[in-house]
Amino acid sequence: MTKIVFFRSGGVFYGFEEQGHTGYGEAGDDILCAAISSMTMFLINTIEVAYASQVDYDINEGATRIRVRAKAALPEFESDDYKRYAVSGIMMGYYLQLSDMLEEYGDYLDVSVKDRAWEE
């Protein structure tokens, strides 16, 4: 099972941590795992390139863990409202997409939200 915990501060999504293999298919042929990986990299690339914002991420393939955090989603780090809404919006969109996927893939995927302030 892949567990994904989203981080939210003041109602604003600013990051997440994914851990584990879905187990939906054989390694290398797991379409659910591939979908999650693709969406995660899309989010990282969009924040970095399209929104020209820093996104901190750590990928540990051995531990099957990825942690993503974007300061630009939070008002204490980003003064540009448009950029802040774009970054937090794509984070929220990812959360909503994964939440929708729970209906069909709930045995392989766990999605939750943890409210907490930014930490270095």
N, C-alpha and C. Protein backbone atom coordinates (compact mmCIF):
# COMPACT_ATOMS: atom_id res chain seq x y z
N MET A 1 0.84 -1.19 0.00
CA MET A 1 0.00 0.00 0.00
C MET A 1 0.88 1.24 0.00
N THR A 2 0.47 2.23 -0.77
CA THR A 2 1.14 3.53 -0.77
C THR A 2 0.35 4.44 0.16
N LYS A 3 1.06 5.02 1.12
CA LYS A 3 0.45 5.97 2.04
C LYS A 3 0.95 7.36 1.69
N ILE A 4 0.01 8.28 1.54
CA ILE A 4 0.35 9.66 1.20
C ILE A 4 -0.26 10.57 2.26
N VAL A 5 0.61 11.32 2.92
CA VAL A 5 0.18 12.28 3.94
C VAL A 5 0.45 13.67 3.39
N PHE A 6 -0.60 14.47 3.26
CA PHE A 6 -0.47 15.85 2.81
C PHE A 6 -0.28 16.76 4.02
N PHE A 7 0.56 17.78 3.85
CA PHE A 7 0.80 18.76 4.90
C PHE A 7 0.04 20.03 4.55
N ARG A 8 -0.64 20.57 5.56
CA ARG A 8 -1.48 21.75 5.37
C ARG A 8 -1.25 22.69 6.56
N SER A 9 -1.17 23.98 6.27
CA SER A 9 -1.01 24.99 7.31
C SER A 9 -2.01 26.11 7.04
N GLY A 10 -2.84 26.41 8.02
CA GLY A 10 -3.84 27.46 7.84
C GLY A 10 -4.78 27.18 6.68
N GLY A 11 -5.06 25.91 6.42
CA GLY A 11 -5.94 25.53 5.33
C GLY A 11 -5.26 25.44 3.97
N VAL A 12 -3.95 25.72 3.92
CA VAL A 12 -3.20 25.75 2.67
C VAL A 12 -2.32 24.50 2.56
N PHE A 13 -2.50 23.76 1.45
CA PHE A 13 -1.65 22.59 1.19
C PHE A 13 -0.29 23.07 0.72
N TYR A 14 0.79 22.57 1.35
CA TYR A 14 2.13 22.99 0.95
C TYR A 14 3.08 21.82 0.70
N GLY A 15 2.65 20.59 0.92
CA GLY A 15 3.54 19.47 0.67
C GLY A 15 2.90 18.14 0.99
N PHE A 16 3.68 17.09 0.83
CA PHE A 16 3.20 15.74 1.11
C PHE A 16 4.37 14.79 1.22
N GLU A 17 4.09 13.62 1.77
CA GLU A 17 5.05 12.53 1.82
C GLU A 17 4.36 11.26 1.34
N GLU A 18 4.99 10.56 0.42
CA GLU A 18 4.48 9.29 -0.10
C GLU A 18 5.42 8.19 0.34
N GLN A 19 4.85 7.06 0.75
CA GLN A 19 5.70 5.96 1.16
C GLN A 19 5.05 4.62 0.83
N GLY A 20 5.85 3.71 0.31
CA GLY A 20 5.41 2.35 0.05
C GLY A 20 5.01 2.09 -1.38
N HIS A 21 4.95 0.81 -1.73
CA HIS A 21 4.49 0.37 -3.04
C HIS A 21 3.00 0.05 -2.97
N THR A 22 2.28 0.34 -4.03
CA THR A 22 0.83 0.10 -4.01
C THR A 22 0.50 -1.38 -3.94
N GLY A 23 1.28 -2.21 -4.63
CA GLY A 23 0.97 -3.63 -4.68
C GLY A 23 -0.17 -3.96 -5.62
N TYR A 24 -0.56 -3.00 -6.44
CA TYR A 24 -1.66 -3.22 -7.38
C TYR A 24 -1.26 -4.18 -8.50
N GLY A 25 0.00 -4.13 -8.90
CA GLY A 25 0.50 -5.00 -9.97
C GLY A 25 1.92 -5.42 -9.67
N GLU A 26 2.48 -6.21 -10.56
CA GLU A 26 3.87 -6.63 -10.43
C GLU A 26 4.80 -5.43 -10.57
N ALA A 27 5.93 -5.49 -9.87
CA ALA A 27 6.92 -4.42 -9.98
C ALA A 27 7.29 -4.22 -11.44
N GLY A 28 7.27 -2.97 -11.88
CA GLY A 28 7.55 -2.64 -13.27
C GLY A 28 6.30 -2.60 -14.14
N ASP A 29 5.21 -3.21 -13.68
CA ASP A 29 3.95 -3.22 -14.43
C ASP A 29 2.79 -2.68 -13.60
N ASP A 30 3.09 -2.00 -12.53
CA ASP A 30 2.06 -1.50 -11.61
C ASP A 30 1.56 -0.15 -12.12
N ILE A 31 0.39 -0.15 -12.78
CA ILE A 31 -0.12 1.08 -13.38
C ILE A 31 -0.51 2.12 -12.34
N LEU A 32 -0.93 1.69 -11.16
CA LEU A 32 -1.29 2.64 -10.10
C LEU A 32 -0.04 3.35 -9.59
N CYS A 33 1.01 2.60 -9.36
CA CYS A 33 2.27 3.18 -8.93
C CYS A 33 2.82 4.14 -9.99
N ALA A 34 2.71 3.75 -11.25
CA ALA A 34 3.17 4.60 -12.35
C ALA A 34 2.37 5.90 -12.42
N ALA A 35 1.07 5.80 -12.20
CA ALA A 35 0.22 7.00 -12.23
C ALA A 35 0.60 7.96 -11.11
N ILE A 36 0.81 7.43 -9.92
CA ILE A 36 1.18 8.27 -8.77
C ILE A 36 2.53 8.93 -9.03
N SER A 37 3.49 8.15 -9.53
CA SER A 37 4.82 8.70 -9.82
C SER A 37 4.75 9.80 -10.87
N SER A 38 3.97 9.58 -11.91
CA SER A 38 3.82 10.58 -12.96
C SER A 38 3.19 11.86 -12.44
N MET A 39 2.15 11.73 -11.64
CA MET A 39 1.49 12.93 -11.08
C MET A 39 2.43 13.68 -10.15
N THR A 40 3.22 12.96 -9.38
CA THR A 40 4.15 13.59 -8.46
C THR A 40 5.21 14.39 -9.22
N MET A 41 5.78 13.80 -10.25
CA MET A 41 6.80 14.50 -11.03
C MET A 41 6.20 15.66 -11.81
N PHE A 42 4.97 15.51 -12.28
CA PHE A 42 4.27 16.63 -12.94
C PHE A 42 4.15 17.80 -11.97
N LEU A 43 3.76 17.54 -10.75
CA LEU A 43 3.60 18.58 -9.74
C LEU A 43 4.94 19.27 -9.47
N ILE A 44 5.99 18.50 -9.25
CA ILE A 44 7.31 19.07 -8.97
C ILE A 44 7.77 19.93 -10.15
N ASN A 45 7.68 19.42 -11.36
CA ASN A 45 8.12 20.18 -12.54
C ASN A 45 7.29 21.43 -12.76
N THR A 46 6.00 21.35 -12.52
CA THR A 46 5.14 22.53 -12.69
C THR A 46 5.52 23.63 -11.71
N ILE A 47 5.73 23.27 -10.47
CA ILE A 47 6.10 24.27 -9.47
C ILE A 47 7.46 24.88 -9.81
N GLU A 48 8.43 24.04 -10.14
CA GLU A 48 9.79 24.53 -10.42
C GLU A 48 9.88 25.34 -11.71
N VAL A 49 9.28 24.83 -12.78
CA VAL A 49 9.48 25.46 -14.08
C VAL A 49 8.37 26.45 -14.42
N ALA A 50 7.13 25.99 -14.44
CA ALA A 50 6.02 26.87 -14.85
C ALA A 50 5.78 28.00 -13.85
N TYR A 51 5.93 27.72 -12.55
CA TYR A 51 5.68 28.75 -11.54
C TYR A 51 6.96 29.39 -11.03
N ALA A 52 8.11 28.95 -11.53
CA ALA A 52 9.42 29.50 -11.14
C ALA A 52 9.55 29.62 -9.63
N SER A 53 9.20 28.54 -8.94
CA SER A 53 9.26 28.52 -7.48
C SER A 53 10.08 27.32 -7.02
N GLN A 54 10.73 27.51 -5.91
CA GLN A 54 11.52 26.42 -5.36
C GLN A 54 10.60 25.37 -4.73
N VAL A 55 10.91 24.14 -5.00
CA VAL A 55 10.20 23.03 -4.36
C VAL A 55 11.28 22.09 -3.83
N ASP A 56 11.20 21.80 -2.56
CA ASP A 56 12.16 20.88 -1.94
C ASP A 56 11.59 19.49 -2.01
N TYR A 57 12.40 18.57 -2.52
CA TYR A 57 11.93 17.18 -2.56
C TYR A 57 13.10 16.24 -2.34
N ASP A 58 12.79 15.13 -1.75
CA ASP A 58 13.77 14.10 -1.44
C ASP A 58 13.17 12.77 -1.89
N ILE A 59 13.87 12.08 -2.77
CA ILE A 59 13.41 10.78 -3.24
C ILE A 59 14.35 9.72 -2.72
N ASN A 60 13.80 8.77 -1.96
CA ASN A 60 14.58 7.66 -1.43
C ASN A 60 14.00 6.38 -2.01
N GLU A 61 14.56 5.93 -3.12
CA GLU A 61 14.02 4.76 -3.80
C GLU A 61 14.15 3.50 -2.95
N GLY A 62 15.22 3.39 -2.17
CA GLY A 62 15.41 2.22 -1.33
C GLY A 62 14.31 2.08 -0.29
N ALA A 63 13.89 3.20 0.26
CA ALA A 63 12.83 3.20 1.28
C ALA A 63 11.46 3.46 0.66
N THR A 64 11.40 3.55 -0.66
CA THR A 64 10.18 3.89 -1.40
C THR A 64 9.46 5.07 -0.74
N ARG A 65 10.20 6.17 -0.60
CA ARG A 65 9.64 7.36 0.04
C ARG A 65 10.02 8.60 -0.76
N ILE A 66 9.07 9.49 -0.90
CA ILE A 66 9.33 10.81 -1.48
C ILE A 66 8.65 11.85 -0.61
N ARG A 67 9.38 12.91 -0.37
CA ARG A 67 8.85 14.02 0.45
C ARG A 67 8.97 15.28 -0.39
N VAL A 68 7.86 16.03 -0.49
CA VAL A 68 7.79 17.23 -1.32
C VAL A 68 7.23 18.37 -0.47
N ARG A 69 7.91 19.53 -0.52
CA ARG A 69 7.43 20.71 0.20
C ARG A 69 7.73 21.96 -0.62
N ALA A 70 6.78 22.88 -0.67
CA ALA A 70 6.93 24.11 -1.43
C ALA A 70 6.57 25.32 -0.57
N LYS A 71 7.58 26.08 -0.19
CA LYS A 71 7.36 27.29 0.62
C LYS A 71 6.46 28.29 -0.07
N ALA A 72 6.51 28.33 -1.40
CA ALA A 72 5.76 29.33 -2.16
C ALA A 72 4.25 29.21 -1.98
N ALA A 73 3.77 28.13 -1.39
CA ALA A 73 2.34 27.97 -1.13
C ALA A 73 1.88 28.77 0.08
N LEU A 74 2.82 29.18 0.91
CA LEU A 74 2.47 29.80 2.20
C LEU A 74 2.75 31.30 2.21
N PRO A 75 1.83 32.07 2.78
CA PRO A 75 1.97 33.53 2.78
C PRO A 75 3.19 34.04 3.54
N GLU A 76 3.67 33.31 4.52
CA GLU A 76 4.84 33.77 5.27
C GLU A 76 6.14 33.67 4.45
N PHE A 77 6.09 32.96 3.32
CA PHE A 77 7.27 32.80 2.47
C PHE A 77 7.12 33.42 1.09
N GLU A 78 5.90 33.63 0.62
CA GLU A 78 5.66 34.13 -0.74
C GLU A 78 4.65 35.27 -0.70
N SER A 79 5.07 36.46 -1.18
CA SER A 79 4.19 37.62 -1.16
C SER A 79 3.33 37.73 -2.42
N ASP A 80 3.73 37.08 -3.50
CA ASP A 80 2.99 37.13 -4.76
C ASP A 80 1.75 36.23 -4.65
N ASP A 81 0.57 36.87 -4.55
CA ASP A 81 -0.67 36.11 -4.37
C ASP A 81 -0.89 35.09 -5.49
N TYR A 82 -0.64 35.48 -6.72
CA TYR A 82 -0.89 34.58 -7.86
C TYR A 82 -0.01 33.33 -7.78
N LYS A 83 1.25 33.54 -7.49
CA LYS A 83 2.17 32.41 -7.38
C LYS A 83 1.77 31.51 -6.22
N ARG A 84 1.44 32.13 -5.10
CA ARG A 84 1.04 31.36 -3.91
C ARG A 84 -0.21 30.53 -4.18
N TYR A 85 -1.20 31.13 -4.81
CA TYR A 85 -2.44 30.40 -5.11
C TYR A 85 -2.18 29.29 -6.13
N ALA A 86 -1.31 29.55 -7.09
CA ALA A 86 -1.00 28.52 -8.10
C ALA A 86 -0.32 27.32 -7.46
N VAL A 87 0.67 27.57 -6.61
CA VAL A 87 1.41 26.47 -5.98
C VAL A 87 0.51 25.70 -5.02
N SER A 88 -0.22 26.40 -4.17
CA SER A 88 -1.10 25.70 -3.23
C SER A 88 -2.25 25.02 -3.98
N GLY A 89 -2.68 25.62 -5.07
CA GLY A 89 -3.77 25.04 -5.86
C GLY A 89 -3.39 23.73 -6.51
N ILE A 90 -2.17 23.65 -7.04
CA ILE A 90 -1.76 22.39 -7.65
C ILE A 90 -1.57 21.31 -6.59
N MET A 91 -1.12 21.72 -5.41
CA MET A 91 -1.02 20.75 -4.28
C MET A 91 -2.41 20.24 -3.92
N MET A 92 -3.37 21.15 -3.82
CA MET A 92 -4.74 20.74 -3.47
C MET A 92 -5.32 19.87 -4.58
N GLY A 93 -5.04 20.22 -5.83
CA GLY A 93 -5.52 19.41 -6.95
C GLY A 93 -5.01 17.99 -6.88
N TYR A 94 -3.75 17.83 -6.51
CA TYR A 94 -3.17 16.49 -6.37
C TYR A 94 -3.87 15.72 -5.25
N TYR A 95 -4.10 16.41 -4.13
CA TYR A 95 -4.82 15.77 -3.02
C TYR A 95 -6.22 15.33 -3.46
N LEU A 96 -6.94 16.19 -4.16
CA LEU A 96 -8.29 15.85 -4.60
C LEU A 96 -8.29 14.69 -5.60
N GLN A 97 -7.32 14.68 -6.51
CA GLN A 97 -7.21 13.59 -7.48
C GLN A 97 -6.98 12.26 -6.77
N LEU A 98 -6.04 12.25 -5.84
CA LEU A 98 -5.76 11.01 -5.11
C LEU A 98 -6.95 10.58 -4.26
N SER A 99 -7.64 11.54 -3.66
CA SER A 99 -8.83 11.23 -2.86
C SER A 99 -9.90 10.58 -3.72
N ASP A 100 -10.08 11.08 -4.95
CA ASP A 100 -11.04 10.47 -5.88
C ASP A 100 -10.64 9.04 -6.23
N MET A 101 -9.35 8.79 -6.33
CA MET A 101 -8.86 7.46 -6.69
C MET A 101 -9.10 6.43 -5.59
N LEU A 102 -9.35 6.89 -4.37
CA LEU A 102 -9.59 5.97 -3.25
C LEU A 102 -10.81 5.08 -3.49
N GLU A 103 -11.80 5.60 -4.20
CA GLU A 103 -13.02 4.84 -4.46
C GLU A 103 -12.70 3.53 -5.18
N GLU A 104 -11.82 3.60 -6.16
CA GLU A 104 -11.48 2.40 -6.93
C GLU A 104 -10.26 1.66 -6.39
N TYR A 105 -9.32 2.39 -5.79
CA TYR A 105 -8.05 1.79 -5.38
C TYR A 105 -7.80 1.86 -3.88
N GLY A 106 -8.85 1.92 -3.09
CA GLY A 106 -8.73 2.06 -1.64
C GLY A 106 -7.95 0.96 -0.96
N ASP A 107 -7.87 -0.22 -1.57
CA ASP A 107 -7.10 -1.31 -0.97
C ASP A 107 -5.60 -1.14 -1.19
N TYR A 108 -5.21 -0.21 -2.04
CA TYR A 108 -3.81 -0.04 -2.41
C TYR A 108 -3.26 1.35 -2.08
N LEU A 109 -4.13 2.23 -1.62
CA LEU A 109 -3.79 3.62 -1.47
C LEU A 109 -4.44 4.19 -0.20
N ASP A 110 -3.67 4.95 0.56
CA ASP A 110 -4.18 5.62 1.75
C ASP A 110 -3.79 7.10 1.65
N VAL A 111 -4.75 7.99 1.77
CA VAL A 111 -4.50 9.43 1.66
C VAL A 111 -5.03 10.11 2.91
N SER A 112 -4.20 10.94 3.53
CA SER A 112 -4.62 11.67 4.72
C SER A 112 -4.01 13.06 4.71
N VAL A 113 -4.46 13.90 5.64
CA VAL A 113 -3.99 15.28 5.77
C VAL A 113 -3.53 15.50 7.19
N LYS A 114 -2.39 16.15 7.33
CA LYS A 114 -1.87 16.50 8.64
C LYS A 114 -1.72 18.02 8.68
N ASP A 115 -2.43 18.66 9.59
CA ASP A 115 -2.31 20.10 9.76
C ASP A 115 -1.09 20.37 10.62
N ARG A 116 -0.16 21.14 10.06
CA ARG A 116 1.05 21.49 10.82
C ARG A 116 1.75 22.66 10.16
N ALA A 117 2.43 23.42 10.97
CA ALA A 117 3.18 24.57 10.48
C ALA A 117 4.41 24.08 9.71
N TRP A 118 4.92 24.94 8.86
CA TRP A 118 6.13 24.63 8.09
C TRP A 118 7.26 24.31 9.05
N GLU A 119 8.05 23.32 8.70
CA GLU A 119 9.26 23.04 9.47
C GLU A 119 10.42 22.83 8.52
N GLU A 120 11.57 23.31 8.89
CA GLU A 120 12.76 23.18 8.03
C GLU A 120 13.26 21.77 8.04
